[in-house]
C-alpha atoms as a PDB file:
ATOM      1  CA  MET A   1       8.960  17.840   4.189  1.00  0.00           C
ATOM      2  CA  ALA A   2       9.381  14.675   3.088  1.00  0.00           C
ATOM      3  CA  ASN A   3      11.993  13.590   0.267  1.00  0.00           C
ATOM      4  CA  TYR A   4      11.580  10.758  -2.227  1.00  0.00           C
ATOM      5  CA  SER A   5      13.385  10.028  -5.461  1.00  0.00           C
ATOM      6  CA  SER A   6      10.325  11.880  -7.268  1.00  0.00           C
ATOM      7  CA  GLY A   7      11.364  15.033  -5.385  1.00  0.00           C
ATOM      8  CA  THR A   8      10.607  17.036  -2.160  1.00  0.00           C
ATOM      9  CA  GLY A   9       6.784  17.268  -0.946  1.00  0.00           C
ATOM     10  CA  CYS A  10       4.783  17.975   1.928  1.00  0.00           C
ATOM     11  CA  ILE A  11       2.748  16.058   4.277  1.00  0.00           C
ATOM     12  CA  GLU A  12      -0.589  16.734   6.122  1.00  0.00           C
ATOM     13  CA  ILE A  13      -1.421  14.382   8.710  1.00  0.00           C
ATOM     14  CA  MET A  14      -4.988  13.883  10.267  1.00  0.00           C
ATOM     15  CA  ALA A  15      -5.907  12.254  13.592  1.00  0.00           C
ATOM     16  CA  ALA A  16      -9.237  11.161  13.211  1.00  0.00           C
ATOM     17  CA  VAL A  17     -10.232  11.265  16.891  1.00  0.00           C
ATOM     18  CA  SER A  18     -13.749  10.964  15.857  1.00  0.00           C
ATOM     19  CA  PHE A  19     -13.376   7.642  14.397  1.00  0.00           C
ATOM     20  CA  TRP A  20     -10.321   6.482  16.744  1.00  0.00           C
ATOM     21  CA  ASP A  21     -11.692   3.112  17.110  1.00  0.00           C
ATOM     22  CA  LYS A  22     -12.502   2.366  13.698  1.00  0.00           C
ATOM     23  CA  SER A  23     -10.281   1.126  10.993  1.00  0.00           C
ATOM     24  CA  ILE A  24     -10.015   3.536   7.879  1.00  0.00           C
ATOM     25  CA  SER A  25     -12.225   2.093   5.687  1.00  0.00           C
ATOM     26  CA  GLU A  26     -14.945   1.645   8.558  1.00  0.00           C
ATOM     27  CA  ALA A  27     -14.566   5.252   9.050  1.00  0.00           C
ATOM     28  CA  ALA A  28     -14.857   6.109   4.989  1.00  0.00           C
ATOM     29  CA  SER A  29     -18.042   3.869   4.706  1.00  0.00           C
ATOM     30  CA  SER A  30     -19.662   4.977   7.879  1.00  0.00           C
ATOM     31  CA  ASN A  31     -19.909   8.721   7.677  1.00  0.00           C
ATOM     32  CA  ASN A  32     -20.822  11.088   4.651  1.00  0.00           C
ATOM     33  CA  THR A  33     -18.811  13.812   6.492  1.00  0.00           C
ATOM     34  CA  PHE A  34     -15.615  11.900   6.825  1.00  0.00           C
ATOM     35  CA  CYS A  35     -12.899  13.296   4.655  1.00  0.00           C
ATOM     36  CA  LEU A  36     -11.998   9.710   2.890  1.00  0.00           C
ATOM     37  CA  THR A  37     -14.349   8.078   0.539  1.00  0.00           C
ATOM     38  CA  THR A  38     -13.983   4.230  -0.782  1.00  0.00           C
ATOM     39  CA  ASP A  39     -14.673   3.919  -4.506  1.00  0.00           C
ATOM     40  CA  ALA A  40     -16.041   0.724  -6.411  1.00  0.00           C
ATOM     41  CA  GLU A  41     -12.912  -1.189  -6.237  1.00  0.00           C
ATOM     42  CA  ASN A  42     -12.563  -0.275  -2.442  1.00  0.00           C
ATOM     43  CA  LYS A  43      -9.761   2.132  -2.726  1.00  0.00           C
ATOM     44  CA  ILE A  44      -9.908   4.710  -0.356  1.00  0.00           C
ATOM     45  CA  HIS A  45      -9.378   8.508  -1.337  1.00  0.00           C
ATOM     46  CA  LEU A  46      -9.385  11.779   0.223  1.00  0.00           C
ATOM     47  CA  LYS A  47     -12.719  13.332  -1.216  1.00  0.00           C
ATOM     48  CA  ARG A  48     -12.093  16.134  -3.850  1.00  0.00           C
ATOM     49  CA  LYS A  49     -14.514  18.219  -2.311  1.00  0.00           C
ATOM     50  CA  HIS A  50     -13.382  18.053   1.294  1.00  0.00           C
ATOM     51  CA  ALA A  51     -11.577  20.759   2.951  1.00  0.00           C
ATOM     52  CA  TYR A  52      -8.555  18.820   3.610  1.00  0.00           C
ATOM     53  CA  PHE A  53      -7.994  18.424  -0.191  1.00  0.00           C
ATOM     54  CA  HIS A  54      -8.043  22.095  -1.002  1.00  0.00           C
ATOM     55  CA  GLN A  55      -5.663  22.580   1.912  1.00  0.00           C
ATOM     56  CA  CYS A  56      -3.291  19.958   0.296  1.00  0.00           C
ATOM     57  CA  GLN A  57      -3.895  22.069  -3.109  1.00  0.00           C
ATOM     58  CA  LEU A  58      -3.084  25.238  -1.389  1.00  0.00           C
ATOM     59  CA  GLN A  59       0.203  23.958   0.468  1.00  0.00           C
ATOM     60  CA  LEU A  60       1.346  22.652  -3.210  1.00  0.00           C
ATOM     61  CA  TYR A  61       0.358  26.181  -4.914  1.00  0.00           C
ATOM     62  CA  ILE A  62       2.274  28.128  -1.881  1.00  0.00           C
ATOM     63  CA  GLY A  63       5.254  26.184  -1.959  1.00  0.00           C
ATOM     64  CA  ARG A  64       5.142  25.291  -5.849  1.00  0.00           C
ATOM     65  CA  ASP A  65       8.961  26.189  -6.090  1.00  0.00           C
ATOM     66  CA  MET A  66       9.723  23.688  -3.680  1.00  0.00           C
ATOM     67  CA  PHE A  67       7.094  20.802  -3.310  1.00  0.00           C
ATOM     68  CA  LYS A  68       6.459  18.033  -6.101  1.00  0.00           C
ATOM     69  CA  PHE A  69       3.602  16.343  -4.165  1.00  0.00           C
ATOM     70  CA  CYS A  70       1.756  16.135  -1.036  1.00  0.00           C
ATOM     71  CA  ASP A  71       1.384  13.202   1.069  1.00  0.00           C
ATOM     72  CA  PHE A  72      -2.150  13.149   2.833  1.00  0.00           C
ATOM     73  CA  VAL A  73      -1.976  10.949   6.306  1.00  0.00           C
ATOM     74  CA  VAL A  74      -4.924   9.920   8.374  1.00  0.00           C
ATOM     75  CA  ALA A  75      -4.397   7.862  11.336  1.00  0.00           C
ATOM     76  CA  THR A  76      -7.045   6.039  14.042  1.00  0.00           C
ATOM     77  CA  GLU A  77      -5.994   3.716  16.602  1.00  0.00           C
ATOM     78  CA  ARG A  78      -6.401   1.175  14.430  1.00  0.00           C
ATOM     79  CA  HIS A  79      -4.938   2.354  10.881  1.00  0.00           C
ATOM     80  CA  LEU A  80      -2.945   4.545   9.187  1.00  0.00           C
ATOM     81  CA  SER A  81      -3.524   5.636   5.621  1.00  0.00           C
ATOM     82  CA  LYS A  82      -1.726   7.601   2.808  1.00  0.00           C
ATOM     83  CA  GLU A  83      -2.726   9.084  -0.439  1.00  0.00           C
END
C-alpha cells in the first residue's frame, strides 16, 4: 500500500526480465508484447488492453473501499517507470 496526500493506493510492480538490459522506452518501442507503449508525444503508458492494466483495475475494484489509485511500476536494470 502507498499513502499520498491523494489517499491510499496499491502498487503493482513488474520486473521486466526479458528487457533487463534495455531502457523502458527502448522496450516499449521495440516489442508489441511489452506492457508499455509510447504515444505521439513519447510519453510512456500502460497499454489499456494488456493483462496488467486489467489486473490493476481488478485490484482497484476489490479494494474500492480502501484504494484511490494503483501505481504500476516497471523496472529494468537501466530504468524505472511509474504510471
